[in-house]
Amino acid sequence: MRRRKRPSKCLVIDASVARAAGGPDAADKGSKSCRDFLQGVLKICHSVIMSRSIRKEWKKHESRYARTWRVTMVSLKKVRIVEDPVNLDLRSRIDYVLTSEVDKKQINKDIHLVEGCIAADSIIVSLDEVLRAILQECAIKVNDLRPIVWINPSEDPEGVLEWLQLGADAEPVRQLGYPK
């Protein structure tokens, strides 16, 4: 009896994960969990989306391990390179909802992650919990943000790896629109 292959997902991985990912000798828990997550994406059939903005951030911040990982992913054709998928309507709705200039600045710095994930399979992998909290607040009024899955590889490393292996499904508890 053949096992049914789970569909692969296309993820947006923030440069914060690329910066934190340590090599095989990394002792820091966060470095290890980011490395293990990237390794999981490589071994499992998932892919990543790289817009011009995401790729620029990666090249600026990636660790030596993350650079090797990215090059390997490209060679395996597991990187989907796209133009920046700008969504002006989404940007204006988020801007309308936010009242804090600090939050607006944070969103504007990283809106390309949100736009990229919507153009892919609505999954963001990031260590940025400040951005996550702002997006969760926005998701109350901006419906497009609700189904976005947010993964922080350092929060529950074993659970996140199991989630990857099981197909990276959009579990409600991982979505931005899930009530706190």
C-alpha atoms as a PDB file:
ATOM      1  CA  MET A   1       0.000   0.000   0.000  1.00  0.00           C
ATOM      2  CA  ARG A   2       1.447   3.374  -1.070  1.00  0.00           C
ATOM      3  CA  ARG A   3       1.490   6.313   1.273  1.00  0.00           C
ATOM      4  CA  ARG A   4      -0.344   9.326  -0.012  1.00  0.00           C
ATOM      5  CA  LYS A   5       2.045  12.230  -0.502  1.00  0.00           C
ATOM      6  CA  ARG A   6       1.114  15.366   1.414  1.00  0.00           C
ATOM      7  CA  PRO A   7       1.018  18.520  -0.675  1.00  0.00           C
ATOM      8  CA  SER A   8       4.019  20.765  -0.170  1.00  0.00           C
ATOM      9  CA  LYS A   9       3.601  24.326   1.021  1.00  0.00           C
ATOM     10  CA  CYS A  10       5.389  27.476  -0.066  1.00  0.00           C
ATOM     11  CA  LEU A  11       6.594  29.438   2.969  1.00  0.00           C
ATOM     12  CA  VAL A  12       7.825  32.971   3.548  1.00  0.00           C
ATOM     13  CA  ILE A  13      10.824  32.789   5.861  1.00  0.00           C
ATOM     14  CA  ASP A  14      11.881  36.058   7.447  1.00  0.00           C
ATOM     15  CA  ALA A  15      15.524  37.095   7.574  1.00  0.00           C
ATOM     16  CA  SER A  16      15.303  36.949  11.383  1.00  0.00           C
ATOM     17  CA  VAL A  17      15.321  33.151  11.060  1.00  0.00           C
ATOM     18  CA  ALA A  18      18.184  33.289   8.547  1.00  0.00           C
ATOM     19  CA  ARG A  19      20.209  35.476  10.904  1.00  0.00           C
ATOM     20  CA  ALA A  20      19.596  33.241  13.932  1.00  0.00           C
ATOM     21  CA  ALA A  21      20.223  29.865  12.261  1.00  0.00           C
ATOM     22  CA  GLY A  22      23.488  28.447  13.555  1.00  0.00           C
ATOM     23  CA  GLY A  23      25.709  25.764  12.152  1.00  0.00           C
ATOM     24  CA  PRO A  24      26.148  22.228  13.479  1.00  0.00           C
ATOM     25  CA  ASP A  25      28.185  23.478  16.465  1.00  0.00           C
ATOM     26  CA  ALA A  26      25.615  26.069  17.584  1.00  0.00           C
ATOM     27  CA  ALA A  27      24.853  25.780  21.294  1.00  0.00           C
ATOM     28  CA  ASP A  28      22.194  28.481  21.595  1.00  0.00           C
ATOM     29  CA  LYS A  29      18.656  27.042  21.711  1.00  0.00           C
ATOM     30  CA  GLY A  30      17.297  29.662  19.289  1.00  0.00           C
ATOM     31  CA  SER A  31      20.107  29.098  16.788  1.00  0.00           C
ATOM     32  CA  LYS A  32      19.541  25.348  16.908  1.00  0.00           C
ATOM     33  CA  SER A  33      15.770  25.605  16.519  1.00  0.00           C
ATOM     34  CA  CYS A  34      16.092  27.920  13.491  1.00  0.00           C
ATOM     35  CA  ARG A  35      18.709  25.636  11.919  1.00  0.00           C
ATOM     36  CA  ASP A  36      16.557  22.572  12.556  1.00  0.00           C
ATOM     37  CA  PHE A  37      13.535  24.311  11.046  1.00  0.00           C
ATOM     38  CA  LEU A  38      15.444  25.258   7.889  1.00  0.00           C
ATOM     39  CA  GLN A  39      16.800  21.719   7.699  1.00  0.00           C
ATOM     40  CA  GLY A  40      13.245  20.401   8.008  1.00  0.00           C
ATOM     41  CA  VAL A  41      12.080  22.586   5.120  1.00  0.00           C
ATOM     42  CA  LEU A  42      15.003  21.305   3.048  1.00  0.00           C
ATOM     43  CA  LYS A  43      14.349  17.622   3.780  1.00  0.00           C
ATOM     44  CA  ILE A  44      10.567  17.759   3.567  1.00  0.00           C
ATOM     45  CA  CYS A  45       8.990  18.696   0.259  1.00  0.00           C
ATOM     46  CA  HIS A  46       8.220  22.334   1.182  1.00  0.00           C
ATOM     47  CA  SER A  47       9.549  25.340  -0.717  1.00  0.00           C
ATOM     48  CA  VAL A  48      10.058  29.051  -0.051  1.00  0.00           C
ATOM     49  CA  ILE A  49       9.086  32.198  -1.844  1.00  0.00           C
ATOM     50  CA  MET A  50      11.703  34.902  -2.323  1.00  0.00           C
ATOM     51  CA  SER A  51      10.611  38.269  -3.567  1.00  0.00           C
ATOM     52  CA  ARG A  52      13.222  40.914  -4.321  1.00  0.00           C
ATOM     53  CA  SER A  53      12.674  42.492  -0.865  1.00  0.00           C
ATOM     54  CA  ILE A  54      12.877  39.192   1.014  1.00  0.00           C
ATOM     55  CA  ARG A  55      15.992  38.135  -0.896  1.00  0.00           C
ATOM     56  CA  LYS A  56      17.630  41.514  -0.181  1.00  0.00           C
ATOM     57  CA  GLU A  57      16.999  41.140   3.570  1.00  0.00           C
ATOM     58  CA  TRP A  58      18.293  37.566   3.534  1.00  0.00           C
ATOM     59  CA  LYS A  59      21.522  38.521   1.768  1.00  0.00           C
ATOM     60  CA  LYS A  60      22.073  41.323   4.284  1.00  0.00           C
ATOM     61  CA  HIS A  61      21.377  39.304   7.451  1.00  0.00           C
ATOM     62  CA  GLU A  62      21.784  35.575   6.753  1.00  0.00           C
ATOM     63  CA  SER A  63      24.200  33.469   8.771  1.00  0.00           C
ATOM     64  CA  ARG A  64      26.809  31.328   7.042  1.00  0.00           C
ATOM     65  CA  TYR A  65      24.597  28.278   7.613  1.00  0.00           C
ATOM     66  CA  ALA A  66      21.517  30.041   6.172  1.00  0.00           C
ATOM     67  CA  ARG A  67      23.448  31.087   3.072  1.00  0.00           C
ATOM     68  CA  THR A  68      24.492  27.492   2.411  1.00  0.00           C
ATOM     69  CA  TRP A  69      20.903  26.381   3.030  1.00  0.00           C
ATOM     70  CA  ARG A  70      19.521  29.002   0.595  1.00  0.00           C
ATOM     71  CA  VAL A  71      21.995  28.025  -2.133  1.00  0.00           C
ATOM     72  CA  THR A  72      21.063  24.359  -1.651  1.00  0.00           C
ATOM     73  CA  MET A  73      17.356  25.204  -1.826  1.00  0.00           C
ATOM     74  CA  VAL A  74      17.916  27.122  -5.082  1.00  0.00           C
ATOM     75  CA  SER A  75      19.888  24.217  -6.577  1.00  0.00           C
ATOM     76  CA  LEU A  76      17.030  21.854  -5.666  1.00  0.00           C
ATOM     77  CA  LYS A  77      14.533  24.241  -7.299  1.00  0.00           C
ATOM     78  CA  LYS A  78      12.742  24.729  -3.982  1.00  0.00           C
ATOM     79  CA  VAL A  79      12.892  28.539  -4.139  1.00  0.00           C
ATOM     80  CA  ARG A  80      10.150  30.392  -5.991  1.00  0.00           C
ATOM     81  CA  ILE A  81      11.562  33.755  -7.054  1.00  0.00           C
ATOM     82  CA  VAL A  82       8.888  36.382  -7.667  1.00  0.00           C
ATOM     83  CA  GLU A  83       8.577  40.115  -8.107  1.00  0.00           C
ATOM     84  CA  ASP A  84       7.455  41.964  -4.994  1.00  0.00           C
ATOM     85  CA  PRO A  85       3.690  41.295  -4.840  1.00  0.00           C
ATOM     86  CA  VAL A  86       2.592  44.788  -3.727  1.00  0.00           C
ATOM     87  CA  ASN A  87      -1.004  44.943  -2.477  1.00  0.00           C
ATOM     88  CA  LEU A  88      -1.948  48.629  -2.142  1.00  0.00           C
ATOM     89  CA  ASP A  89      -5.490  47.838  -0.993  1.00  0.00           C
ATOM     90  CA  LEU A  90      -4.204  45.701   1.892  1.00  0.00           C
ATOM     91  CA  ARG A  91      -1.635  48.344   2.820  1.00  0.00           C
ATOM     92  CA  SER A  92      -4.265  51.066   3.000  1.00  0.00           C
ATOM     93  CA  ARG A  93      -6.645  48.938   5.102  1.00  0.00           C
ATOM     94  CA  ILE A  94      -3.862  48.108   7.568  1.00  0.00           C
ATOM     95  CA  ASP A  95      -2.784  51.749   7.691  1.00  0.00           C
ATOM     96  CA  TYR A  96      -6.393  52.800   8.381  1.00  0.00           C
ATOM     97  CA  VAL A  97      -6.703  50.338  11.291  1.00  0.00           C
ATOM     98  CA  LEU A  98      -3.415  51.244  12.972  1.00  0.00           C
ATOM     99  CA  THR A  99      -3.347  54.355  15.157  1.00  0.00           C
ATOM    100  CA  SER A 100       0.241  54.180  16.429  1.00  0.00           C
ATOM    101  CA  GLU A 101       2.921  55.674  14.190  1.00  0.00           C
ATOM    102  CA  VAL A 102       5.420  53.226  15.691  1.00  0.00           C
ATOM    103  CA  ASP A 103       3.203  50.284  14.642  1.00  0.00           C
ATOM    104  CA  LYS A 104       2.736  51.775  11.165  1.00  0.00           C
ATOM    105  CA  LYS A 105       6.499  52.088  10.780  1.00  0.00           C
ATOM    106  CA  GLN A 106       7.004  48.463  11.899  1.00  0.00           C
ATOM    107  CA  ILE A 107       4.367  47.211   9.447  1.00  0.00           C
ATOM    108  CA  ASN A 108       5.757  49.256   6.568  1.00  0.00           C
ATOM    109  CA  LYS A 109       9.227  47.799   7.213  1.00  0.00           C
ATOM    110  CA  ASP A 110       7.926  44.228   6.918  1.00  0.00           C
ATOM    111  CA  ILE A 111       4.742  44.423   4.805  1.00  0.00           C
ATOM    112  CA  HIS A 112       6.584  42.550   2.031  1.00  0.00           C
ATOM    113  CA  LEU A 113       6.463  39.422   4.226  1.00  0.00           C
ATOM    114  CA  VAL A 114       2.676  39.643   4.451  1.00  0.00           C
ATOM    115  CA  GLU A 115       2.254  40.343   0.747  1.00  0.00           C
ATOM    116  CA  GLY A 116       4.628  37.498  -0.129  1.00  0.00           C
ATOM    117  CA  CYS A 117       2.839  34.992   2.068  1.00  0.00           C
ATOM    118  CA  ILE A 118      -0.565  35.931   0.626  1.00  0.00           C
ATOM    119  CA  ALA A 119       0.912  35.314  -2.845  1.00  0.00           C
ATOM    120  CA  ALA A 120       2.086  31.877  -1.631  1.00  0.00           C
ATOM    121  CA  ASP A 121       0.396  29.595   0.932  1.00  0.00           C
ATOM    122  CA  SER A 122      -0.236  32.190   3.682  1.00  0.00           C
ATOM    123  CA  ILE A 123       2.550  31.023   5.998  1.00  0.00           C
ATOM    124  CA  ILE A 124       5.120  33.336   7.595  1.00  0.00           C
ATOM    125  CA  VAL A 125       8.057  31.952   9.550  1.00  0.00           C
ATOM    126  CA  SER A 126       9.599  34.625  11.756  1.00  0.00           C
ATOM    127  CA  LEU A 127      11.069  35.342  15.179  1.00  0.00           C
ATOM    128  CA  ASP A 128       9.531  38.846  15.211  1.00  0.00           C
ATOM    129  CA  GLU A 129       6.890  38.682  17.934  1.00  0.00           C
ATOM    130  CA  VAL A 130       6.328  42.462  17.848  1.00  0.00           C
ATOM    131  CA  LEU A 131       5.230  42.273  14.210  1.00  0.00           C
ATOM    132  CA  ARG A 132       3.094  39.238  14.991  1.00  0.00           C
ATOM    133  CA  ALA A 133       1.246  41.104  17.778  1.00  0.00           C
ATOM    134  CA  ILE A 134       0.595  44.109  15.533  1.00  0.00           C
ATOM    135  CA  LEU A 135      -0.732  41.869  12.745  1.00  0.00           C
ATOM    136  CA  GLN A 136      -2.962  39.996  15.213  1.00  0.00           C
ATOM    137  CA  GLU A 137      -4.485  43.315  16.279  1.00  0.00           C
ATOM    138  CA  CYS A 138      -5.006  44.302  12.636  1.00  0.00           C
ATOM    139  CA  ALA A 139      -6.544  40.901  11.842  1.00  0.00           C
ATOM    140  CA  ILE A 140      -9.547  41.814  13.998  1.00  0.00           C
ATOM    141  CA  LYS A 141     -10.612  44.299  11.299  1.00  0.00           C
ATOM    142  CA  VAL A 142      -8.620  43.237   8.218  1.00  0.00           C
ATOM    143  CA  ASN A 143     -10.044  39.885   7.106  1.00  0.00           C
ATOM    144  CA  ASP A 144      -7.172  39.111   4.685  1.00  0.00           C
ATOM    145  CA  LEU A 145      -4.804  38.737   7.656  1.00  0.00           C
ATOM    146  CA  ARG A 146      -6.902  36.232   9.629  1.00  0.00           C
ATOM    147  CA  PRO A 147      -5.940  33.016   7.779  1.00  0.00           C
ATOM    148  CA  ILE A 148      -2.202  33.790   7.767  1.00  0.00           C
ATOM    149  CA  VAL A 149      -0.288  31.137   9.695  1.00  0.00           C
ATOM    150  CA  TRP A 150       2.531  32.515  11.853  1.00  0.00           C
ATOM    151  CA  ILE A 151       5.312  30.158  12.877  1.00  0.00           C
ATOM    152  CA  ASN A 152       8.085  31.014  15.312  1.00  0.00           C
ATOM    153  CA  PRO A 153      10.603  28.144  15.148  1.00  0.00           C
ATOM    154  CA  SER A 154      11.992  28.939  18.588  1.00  0.00           C
ATOM    155  CA  GLU A 155       8.626  28.753  20.403  1.00  0.00           C
ATOM    156  CA  ASP A 156       7.993  25.020  20.189  1.00  0.00           C
ATOM    157  CA  PRO A 157      10.793  23.518  18.079  1.00  0.00           C
ATOM    158  CA  GLU A 158       9.610  19.908  18.236  1.00  0.00           C
ATOM    159  CA  GLY A 159       5.987  20.846  17.608  1.00  0.00           C
ATOM    160  CA  VAL A 160       6.921  23.061  14.678  1.00  0.00           C
ATOM    161  CA  LEU A 161       9.004  20.316  13.084  1.00  0.00           C
ATOM    162  CA  GLU A 162       6.150  17.854  13.520  1.00  0.00           C
ATOM    163  CA  TRP A 163       3.774  20.426  11.973  1.00  0.00           C
ATOM    164  CA  LEU A 164       6.148  20.687   8.971  1.00  0.00           C
ATOM    165  CA  GLN A 165       6.318  16.905   8.591  1.00  0.00           C
ATOM    166  CA  LEU A 166       2.530  16.577   8.754  1.00  0.00           C
ATOM    167  CA  GLY A 167       2.068  18.963   5.828  1.00  0.00           C
ATOM    168  CA  ALA A 168       2.167  22.464   7.384  1.00  0.00           C
ATOM    169  CA  ASP A 169      -1.614  22.739   7.511  1.00  0.00           C
ATOM    170  CA  ALA A 170      -3.323  25.976   8.523  1.00  0.00           C
ATOM    171  CA  GLU A 171      -4.256  24.982  12.066  1.00  0.00           C
ATOM    172  CA  PRO A 172      -6.558  27.679  13.513  1.00  0.00           C
ATOM    173  CA  VAL A 173      -4.425  28.116  16.647  1.00  0.00           C
ATOM    174  CA  ARG A 174      -1.468  29.148  14.434  1.00  0.00           C
ATOM    175  CA  GLN A 175      -3.444  31.740  12.447  1.00  0.00           C
ATOM    176  CA  LEU A 176      -3.299  35.479  13.076  1.00  0.00           C
ATOM    177  CA  GLY A 177      -7.081  35.620  13.390  1.00  0.00           C
ATOM    178  CA  TYR A 178      -7.223  33.061  16.186  1.00  0.00           C
ATOM    179  CA  PRO A 179      -8.543  34.688  19.372  1.00  0.00           C
ATOM    180  CA  LYS A 180      -5.844  35.225  21.975  1.00  0.00           C
END
